[in-house]
Amino acid sequence: DAKVLLHVLHLRGLELFPDGSLVRDYGFPSAR
């Protein structure tokens, strides 16, 4: 029905930011 490709970045893990929060890290660009 649709010959379409989705280009994605896979989840690599969790990224710890200096403020102590944990955010899912998808590489570049990040979740932020």
PDB file of all heavy atoms in Angstrom:
ATOM      1  N   ASP A   1       0.809  -1.213   0.000  1.00  0.00           N
ATOM      2  CA  ASP A   1       0.000   0.000   0.000  1.00  0.00           C
ATOM      3  C   ASP A   1       0.843   1.263   0.000  1.00  0.00           C
ATOM      4  O   ASP A   1       0.418   2.294  -0.520  1.00  0.00           O
ATOM      5  CB  ASP A   1      -0.957   0.007   1.201  1.00  0.00           C
ATOM      6  CG  ASP A   1      -0.218  -0.256   2.508  1.00  0.00           C
ATOM      7  OD1 ASP A   1       0.976  -0.581   2.437  1.00  0.00           O
ATOM      8  OD2 ASP A   1      -0.832  -0.151   3.580  1.00  0.00           O
ATOM      9  N   ALA A   2       2.022   1.232   0.596  1.00  0.00           N
ATOM     10  CA  ALA A   2       2.865   2.428   0.666  1.00  0.00           C
ATOM     11  C   ALA A   2       4.329   2.021   0.544  1.00  0.00           C
ATOM     12  O   ALA A   2       4.843   1.328   1.416  1.00  0.00           O
ATOM     13  CB  ALA A   2       2.624   3.183   1.969  1.00  0.00           C
ATOM     14  N   LYS A   3       4.972   2.451  -0.534  1.00  0.00           N
ATOM     15  CA  LYS A   3       6.395   2.184  -0.716  1.00  0.00           C
ATOM     16  C   LYS A   3       7.162   3.365  -0.129  1.00  0.00           C
ATOM     17  O   LYS A   3       7.608   4.265  -0.837  1.00  0.00           O
ATOM     18  CB  LYS A   3       6.720   1.973  -2.181  1.00  0.00           C
ATOM     19  CG  LYS A   3       6.084   0.706  -2.753  1.00  0.00           C
ATOM     20  CD  LYS A   3       6.499   0.471  -4.201  1.00  0.00           C
ATOM     21  CE  LYS A   3       5.897  -0.839  -4.718  1.00  0.00           C
ATOM     22  NZ  LYS A   3       6.277  -1.103  -6.123  1.00  0.00           N
ATOM     23  N   VAL A   4       7.297   3.326   1.191  1.00  0.00           N
ATOM     24  CA  VAL A   4       7.900   4.421   1.942  1.00  0.00           C
ATOM     25  C   VAL A   4       8.893   3.841   2.928  1.00  0.00           C
ATOM     26  O   VAL A   4       8.641   2.785   3.533  1.00  0.00           O
ATOM     27  CB  VAL A   4       6.825   5.246   2.679  1.00  0.00           C
ATOM     28  CG1 VAL A   4       7.468   6.354   3.509  1.00  0.00           C
ATOM     29  CG2 VAL A   4       5.837   5.835   1.689  1.00  0.00           C
ATOM     30  N   LEU A   5      10.019   4.529   3.108  1.00  0.00           N
ATOM     31  CA  LEU A   5      11.024   4.147   4.093  1.00  0.00           C
ATOM     32  C   LEU A   5      11.041   5.160   5.223  1.00  0.00           C
ATOM     33  O   LEU A   5      10.969   6.374   4.994  1.00  0.00           O
ATOM     34  CB  LEU A   5      12.414   4.065   3.463  1.00  0.00           C
ATOM     35  CG  LEU A   5      12.704   2.885   2.536  1.00  0.00           C
ATOM     36  CD1 LEU A   5      14.097   3.012   1.946  1.00  0.00           C
ATOM     37  CD2 LEU A   5      12.555   1.556   3.265  1.00  0.00           C
ATOM     38  N   LEU A   6      11.145   4.654   6.450  1.00  0.00           N
ATOM     39  CA  LEU A   6      11.316   5.494   7.631  1.00  0.00           C
ATOM     40  C   LEU A   6      12.766   5.430   8.061  1.00  0.00           C
ATOM     41  O   LEU A   6      13.307   4.345   8.260  1.00  0.00           O
ATOM     42  CB  LEU A   6      10.407   5.015   8.763  1.00  0.00           C
ATOM     43  CG  LEU A   6       8.910   4.978   8.477  1.00  0.00           C
ATOM     44  CD1 LEU A   6       8.149   4.488   9.709  1.00  0.00           C
ATOM     45  CD2 LEU A   6       8.389   6.330   8.049  1.00  0.00           C
ATOM     46  N   HIS A   7      13.407   6.576   8.195  1.00  0.00           N
ATOM     47  CA  HIS A   7      14.812   6.650   8.588  1.00  0.00           C
ATOM     48  C   HIS A   7      14.869   6.984  10.082  1.00  0.00           C
ATOM     49  O   HIS A   7      14.363   8.027  10.513  1.00  0.00           O
ATOM     50  CB  HIS A   7      15.540   7.713   7.765  1.00  0.00           C
ATOM     51  CG  HIS A   7      15.468   7.462   6.289  1.00  0.00           C
ATOM     52  ND1 HIS A   7      16.436   6.756   5.598  1.00  0.00           N
ATOM     53  CD2 HIS A   7      14.524   7.800   5.361  1.00  0.00           C
ATOM     54  CE1 HIS A   7      16.111   6.682   4.322  1.00  0.00           C
ATOM     55  NE2 HIS A   7      14.958   7.310   4.145  1.00  0.00           N
ATOM     56  N   VAL A   8      15.486   6.103  10.854  1.00  0.00           N
ATOM     57  CA  VAL A   8      15.426   6.212  12.306  1.00  0.00           C
ATOM     58  C   VAL A   8      16.815   6.052  12.915  1.00  0.00           C
ATOM     59  O   VAL A   8      17.745   5.535  12.290  1.00  0.00           O
ATOM     60  CB  VAL A   8      14.488   5.143  12.904  1.00  0.00           C
ATOM     61  CG1 VAL A   8      13.091   5.265  12.336  1.00  0.00           C
ATOM     62  CG2 VAL A   8      15.036   3.737  12.667  1.00  0.00           C
ATOM     63  N   LEU A   9      16.908   6.508  14.156  1.00  0.00           N
ATOM     64  CA  LEU A   9      18.074   6.275  15.000  1.00  0.00           C
ATOM     65  C   LEU A   9      17.642   5.378  16.147  1.00  0.00           C
ATOM     66  O   LEU A   9      16.656   5.664  16.834  1.00  0.00           O
ATOM     67  CB  LEU A   9      18.630   7.585  15.555  1.00  0.00           C
ATOM     68  CG  LEU A   9      19.474   8.428  14.605  1.00  0.00           C
ATOM     69  CD1 LEU A   9      19.677   9.826  15.177  1.00  0.00           C
ATOM     70  CD2 LEU A   9      20.811   7.773  14.335  1.00  0.00           C
ATOM     71  N   HIS A  10      18.366   4.284  16.364  1.00  0.00           N
ATOM     72  CA  HIS A  10      18.002   3.336  17.408  1.00  0.00           C
ATOM     73  C   HIS A  10      18.429   3.840  18.781  1.00  0.00           C
ATOM     74  O   HIS A  10      19.384   4.614  18.930  1.00  0.00           O
ATOM     75  CB  HIS A  10      18.654   1.976  17.140  1.00  0.00           C
ATOM     76  CG  HIS A  10      18.071   1.253  15.969  1.00  0.00           C
ATOM     77  ND1 HIS A  10      16.785   0.786  15.958  1.00  0.00           N
ATOM     78  CD2 HIS A  10      18.595   0.931  14.763  1.00  0.00           C
ATOM     79  CE1 HIS A  10      16.538   0.199  14.799  1.00  0.00           C
ATOM     80  NE2 HIS A  10      17.618   0.276  14.055  1.00  0.00           N
ATOM     81  N   LEU A  11      17.707   3.372  19.782  1.00  0.00           N
ATOM     82  CA  LEU A  11      18.046   3.699  21.167  1.00  0.00           C
ATOM     83  C   LEU A  11      19.386   3.081  21.535  1.00  0.00           C
ATOM     84  O   LEU A  11      19.613   1.891  21.323  1.00  0.00           O
ATOM     85  CB  LEU A  11      16.948   3.176  22.098  1.00  0.00           C
ATOM     86  CG  LEU A  11      17.185   3.352  23.594  1.00  0.00           C
ATOM     87  CD1 LEU A  11      17.221   4.823  23.967  1.00  0.00           C
ATOM     88  CD2 LEU A  11      16.099   2.636  24.390  1.00  0.00           C
ATOM     89  N   ARG A  12      20.289   3.895  22.064  1.00  0.00           N
ATOM     90  CA  ARG A  12      21.611   3.421  22.450  1.00  0.00           C
ATOM     91  C   ARG A  12      21.737   3.169  23.950  1.00  0.00           C
ATOM     92  O   ARG A  12      22.606   2.418  24.383  1.00  0.00           O
ATOM     93  CB  ARG A  12      22.679   4.435  22.028  1.00  0.00           C
ATOM     94  CG  ARG A  12      22.693   4.737  20.544  1.00  0.00           C
ATOM     95  CD  ARG A  12      23.941   5.474  20.146  1.00  0.00           C
ATOM     96  NE  ARG A  12      24.155   6.672  20.943  1.00  0.00           N
ATOM     97  CZ  ARG A  12      25.190   7.498  20.778  1.00  0.00           C
ATOM     98  NH1 ARG A  12      26.089   7.244  19.836  1.00  0.00           N
ATOM     99  NH2 ARG A  12      25.331   8.570  21.532  1.00  0.00           N
ATOM    100  N   GLY A  13      20.901   3.807  24.743  1.00  0.00           N
ATOM    101  CA  GLY A  13      20.990   3.657  26.192  1.00  0.00           C
ATOM    102  C   GLY A  13      20.429   4.888  26.873  1.00  0.00           C
ATOM    103  O   GLY A  13      19.591   5.607  26.319  1.00  0.00           O
ATOM    104  N   LEU A  14      20.892   5.151  28.064  1.00  0.00           N
ATOM    105  CA  LEU A  14      20.471   6.309  28.838  1.00  0.00           C
ATOM    106  C   LEU A  14      21.633   7.274  28.968  1.00  0.00           C
ATOM    107  O   LEU A  14      22.765   6.859  29.229  1.00  0.00           O
ATOM    108  CB  LEU A  14      19.971   5.896  30.221  1.00  0.00           C
ATOM    109  CG  LEU A  14      18.653   5.118  30.258  1.00  0.00           C
ATOM    110  CD1 LEU A  14      18.375   4.627  31.671  1.00  0.00           C
ATOM    111  CD2 LEU A  14      17.500   5.964  29.763  1.00  0.00           C
ATOM    112  N   GLU A  15      21.341   8.561  28.805  1.00  0.00           N
ATOM    113  CA  GLU A  15      22.368   9.592  28.921  1.00  0.00           C
ATOM    114  C   GLU A  15      22.184  10.336  30.239  1.00  0.00           C
ATOM    115  O   GLU A  15      21.089  10.814  30.541  1.00  0.00           O
ATOM    116  CB  GLU A  15      22.272  10.572  27.749  1.00  0.00           C
ATOM    117  CG  GLU A  15      23.358  11.629  27.749  1.00  0.00           C
ATOM    118  CD  GLU A  15      23.285  12.523  26.530  1.00  0.00           C
ATOM    119  OE1 GLU A  15      22.387  12.309  25.685  1.00  0.00           O
ATOM    120  OE2 GLU A  15      24.124  13.448  26.419  1.00  0.00           O
ATOM    121  N   LEU A  16      23.269  10.405  31.009  1.00  0.00           N
ATOM    122  CA  LEU A  16      23.246  11.098  32.296  1.00  0.00           C
ATOM    123  C   LEU A  16      23.708  12.532  32.092  1.00  0.00           C
ATOM    124  O   LEU A  16      24.836  12.780  31.640  1.00  0.00           O
ATOM    125  CB  LEU A  16      24.156  10.380  33.303  1.00  0.00           C
ATOM    126  CG  LEU A  16      24.267  11.019  34.685  1.00  0.00           C
ATOM    127  CD1 LEU A  16      22.916  11.028  35.395  1.00  0.00           C
ATOM    128  CD2 LEU A  16      25.310  10.294  35.530  1.00  0.00           C
ATOM    129  N   PHE A  17      22.844  13.484  32.412  1.00  0.00           N
ATOM    130  CA  PHE A  17      23.160  14.897  32.252  1.00  0.00           C
ATOM    131  C   PHE A  17      23.754  15.452  33.548  1.00  0.00           C
ATOM    132  O   PHE A  17      23.596  14.859  34.622  1.00  0.00           O
ATOM    133  CB  PHE A  17      21.903  15.673  31.859  1.00  0.00           C
ATOM    134  CG  PHE A  17      21.514  15.487  30.422  1.00  0.00           C
ATOM    135  CD1 PHE A  17      20.756  14.399  30.033  1.00  0.00           C
ATOM    136  CD2 PHE A  17      21.928  16.379  29.448  1.00  0.00           C
ATOM    137  CE1 PHE A  17      20.403  14.224  28.710  1.00  0.00           C
ATOM    138  CE2 PHE A  17      21.581  16.210  28.126  1.00  0.00           C
ATOM    139  CZ  PHE A  17      20.815  15.132  27.746  1.00  0.00           C
ATOM    140  N   PRO A  18      24.443  16.578  33.446  1.00  0.00           N
ATOM    141  CA  PRO A  18      25.095  17.142  34.646  1.00  0.00           C
ATOM    142  C   PRO A  18      24.132  17.403  35.806  1.00  0.00           C
ATOM    143  O   PRO A  18      24.549  17.378  36.962  1.00  0.00           O
ATOM    144  CB  PRO A  18      25.723  18.449  34.128  1.00  0.00           C
ATOM    145  CG  PRO A  18      25.960  18.196  32.670  1.00  0.00           C
ATOM    146  CD  PRO A  18      24.817  17.337  32.231  1.00  0.00           C
ATOM    147  N   ASP A  19      22.860  17.666  35.515  1.00  0.00           N
ATOM    148  CA  ASP A  19      21.926  17.929  36.602  1.00  0.00           C
ATOM    149  C   ASP A  19      21.429  16.654  37.274  1.00  0.00           C
ATOM    150  O   ASP A  19      20.642  16.716  38.224  1.00  0.00           O
ATOM    151  CB  ASP A  19      20.733  18.748  36.096  1.00  0.00           C
ATOM    152  CG  ASP A  19      19.963  18.016  34.996  1.00  0.00           C
ATOM    153  OD1 ASP A  19      20.403  16.923  34.589  1.00  0.00           O
ATOM    154  OD2 ASP A  19      18.938  18.556  34.542  1.00  0.00           O
ATOM    155  N   GLY A  20      21.868  15.473  36.770  1.00  0.00           N
ATOM    156  CA  GLY A  20      21.493  14.207  37.373  1.00  0.00           C
ATOM    157  C   GLY A  20      20.320  13.518  36.722  1.00  0.00           C
ATOM    158  O   GLY A  20      19.945  12.419  37.149  1.00  0.00           O
ATOM    159  N   SER A  21      19.723  14.107  35.697  1.00  0.00           N
ATOM    160  CA  SER A  21      18.588  13.483  35.026  1.00  0.00           C
ATOM    161  C   SER A  21      19.068  12.441  34.027  1.00  0.00           C
ATOM    162  O   SER A  21      20.171  12.524  33.485  1.00  0.00           O
ATOM    163  CB  SER A  21      17.752  14.541  34.306  1.00  0.00           C
ATOM    164  OG  SER A  21      18.545  15.217  33.334  1.00  0.00           O
ATOM    165  N   LEU A  22      18.233  11.452  33.781  1.00  0.00           N
ATOM    166  CA  LEU A  22      18.505  10.395  32.814  1.00  0.00           C
ATOM    167  C   LEU A  22      17.519  10.514  31.662  1.00  0.00           C
ATOM    168  O   LEU A  22      16.301  10.569  31.867  1.00  0.00           O
ATOM    169  CB  LEU A  22      18.375   9.008  33.459  1.00  0.00           C
ATOM    170  CG  LEU A  22      19.542   8.520  34.310  1.00  0.00           C
ATOM    171  CD1 LEU A  22      19.202   7.195  34.971  1.00  0.00           C
ATOM    172  CD2 LEU A  22      20.793   8.366  33.460  1.00  0.00           C
ATOM    173  N   VAL A  23      18.059  10.571  30.444  1.00  0.00           N
ATOM    174  CA  VAL A  23      17.252  10.734  29.238  1.00  0.00           C
ATOM    175  C   VAL A  23      17.682   9.674  28.239  1.00  0.00           C
ATOM    176  O   VAL A  23      18.876   9.375  28.109  1.00  0.00           O
ATOM    177  CB  VAL A  23      17.421  12.152  28.635  1.00  0.00           C
ATOM    178  CG1 VAL A  23      16.609  12.293  27.347  1.00  0.00           C
ATOM    179  CG2 VAL A  23      17.007  13.209  29.647  1.00  0.00           C
ATOM    180  N   ARG A  24      16.718   9.096  27.539  1.00  0.00           N
ATOM    181  CA  ARG A  24      17.044   8.109  26.513  1.00  0.00           C
ATOM    182  C   ARG A  24      17.931   8.733  25.444  1.00  0.00           C
ATOM    183  O   ARG A  24      17.635   9.815  24.926  1.00  0.00           O
ATOM    184  CB  ARG A  24      15.760   7.551  25.891  1.00  0.00           C
ATOM    185  CG  ARG A  24      15.058   6.511  26.741  1.00  0.00           C
ATOM    186  CD  ARG A  24      13.863   5.936  26.026  1.00  0.00           C
ATOM    187  NE  ARG A  24      12.811   6.937  25.879  1.00  0.00           N
ATOM    188  CZ  ARG A  24      11.835   7.139  26.765  1.00  0.00           C
ATOM    189  NH1 ARG A  24      11.788   6.398  27.853  1.00  0.00           N
ATOM    190  NH2 ARG A  24      10.922   8.056  26.560  1.00  0.00           N
ATOM    191  N   ASP A  25      18.990   8.015  25.103  1.00  0.00           N
ATOM    192  CA  ASP A  25      19.989   8.522  24.157  1.00  0.00           C
ATOM    193  C   ASP A  25      19.824   7.790  22.830  1.00  0.00           C
ATOM    194  O   ASP A  25      19.999   6.572  22.752  1.00  0.00           O
ATOM    195  CB  ASP A  25      21.400   8.307  24.719  1.00  0.00           C
ATOM    196  CG  ASP A  25      22.474   8.796  23.761  1.00  0.00           C
ATOM    197  OD1 ASP A  25      22.146   9.604  22.877  1.00  0.00           O
ATOM    198  OD2 ASP A  25      23.628   8.370  23.894  1.00  0.00           O
ATOM    199  N   TYR A  26      19.486   8.550  21.808  1.00  0.00           N
ATOM    200  CA  TYR A  26      19.344   7.997  20.465  1.00  0.00           C
ATOM    201  C   TYR A  26      20.493   8.428  19.545  1.00  0.00           C
ATOM    202  O   TYR A  26      20.426   8.231  18.346  1.00  0.00           O
ATOM    203  CB  TYR A  26      18.023   8.436  19.845  1.00  0.00           C
ATOM    204  CG  TYR A  26      16.812   7.925  20.579  1.00  0.00           C
ATOM    205  CD1 TYR A  26      16.199   8.689  21.573  1.00  0.00           C
ATOM    206  CD2 TYR A  26      16.272   6.678  20.293  1.00  0.00           C
ATOM    207  CE1 TYR A  26      15.080   8.217  22.254  1.00  0.00           C
ATOM    208  CE2 TYR A  26      15.160   6.206  20.965  1.00  0.00           C
ATOM    209  CZ  TYR A  26      14.571   6.981  21.941  1.00  0.00           C
ATOM    210  OH  TYR A  26      13.472   6.515  22.612  1.00  0.00           O
ATOM    211  N   GLY A  27      21.495   9.015  20.130  1.00  0.00           N
ATOM    212  CA  GLY A  27      22.627   9.440  19.311  1.00  0.00           C
ATOM    213  C   GLY A  27      22.457  10.878  18.869  1.00  0.00           C
ATOM    214  O   GLY A  27      22.163  11.762  19.659  1.00  0.00           O
ATOM    215  N   PHE A  28      22.593  11.103  17.581  1.00  0.00           N
ATOM    216  CA  PHE A  28      22.552  12.459  17.030  1.00  0.00           C
ATOM    217  C   PHE A  28      21.451  12.538  15.999  1.00  0.00           C
ATOM    218  O   PHE A  28      21.503  11.847  14.984  1.00  0.00           O
ATOM    219  CB  PHE A  28      23.895  12.767  16.378  1.00  0.00           C
ATOM    220  CG  PHE A  28      23.964  14.132  15.730  1.00  0.00           C
ATOM    221  CD1 PHE A  28      24.020  15.270  16.509  1.00  0.00           C
ATOM    222  CD2 PHE A  28      23.976  14.272  14.358  1.00  0.00           C
ATOM    223  CE1 PHE A  28      24.094  16.521  15.916  1.00  0.00           C
ATOM    224  CE2 PHE A  28      24.062  15.504  13.773  1.00  0.00           C
ATOM    225  CZ  PHE A  28      24.112  16.633  14.548  1.00  0.00           C
ATOM    226  N   PRO A  29      20.356  13.283  16.200  1.00  0.00           N
ATOM    227  CA  PRO A  29      20.113  14.151  17.355  1.00  0.00           C
ATOM    228  C   PRO A  29      19.658  13.348  18.560  1.00  0.00           C
ATOM    229  O   PRO A  29      19.179  12.248  18.415  1.00  0.00           O
ATOM    230  CB  PRO A  29      18.982  15.064  16.873  1.00  0.00           C
ATOM    231  CG  PRO A  29      18.217  14.206  15.925  1.00  0.00           C
ATOM    232  CD  PRO A  29      19.254  13.336  15.244  1.00  0.00           C
ATOM    233  N   SER A  30      19.786  13.932  19.742  1.00  0.00           N
ATOM    234  CA  SER A  30      19.411  13.230  20.960  1.00  0.00           C
ATOM    235  C   SER A  30      17.933  13.424  21.220  1.00  0.00           C
ATOM    236  O   SER A  30      17.207  14.060  20.471  1.00  0.00           O
ATOM    237  CB  SER A  30      20.213  13.773  22.147  1.00  0.00           C
ATOM    238  OG  SER A  30      19.772  15.083  22.464  1.00  0.00           O
ATOM    239  N   ALA A  31      17.480  12.836  22.315  1.00  0.00           N
ATOM    240  CA  ALA A  31      16.076  12.984  22.687  1.00  0.00           C
ATOM    241  C   ALA A  31      15.744  14.440  22.988  1.00  0.00           C
ATOM    242  O   ALA A  31      14.590  14.830  22.965  1.00  0.00           O
ATOM    243  CB  ALA A  31      15.761  12.115  23.897  1.00  0.00           C
ATOM    244  N   ARG A  32      16.756  15.240  23.278  1.00  0.00           N
ATOM    245  CA  ARG A  32      16.530  16.663  23.487  1.00  0.00           C
ATOM    246  C   ARG A  32      16.795  17.396  22.175  1.00  0.00           C
ATOM    247  O   ARG A  32      17.610  18.309  22.082  1.00  0.00           O
ATOM    248  CB  ARG A  32      17.447  17.195  24.583  1.00  0.00           C
ATOM    249  CG  ARG A  32      17.102  16.600  25.948  1.00  0.00           C
ATOM    250  CD  ARG A  32      17.893  17.264  27.054  1.00  0.00           C
ATOM    251  NE  ARG A  32      17.449  16.802  28.360  1.00  0.00           N
ATOM    252  CZ  ARG A  32      17.930  17.254  29.511  1.00  0.00           C
ATOM    253  NH1 ARG A  32      18.864  18.164  29.510  1.00  0.00           N
ATOM    254  NH2 ARG A  32      17.472  16.799  30.651  1.00  0.00           N
TER     255      ARG A  32
END
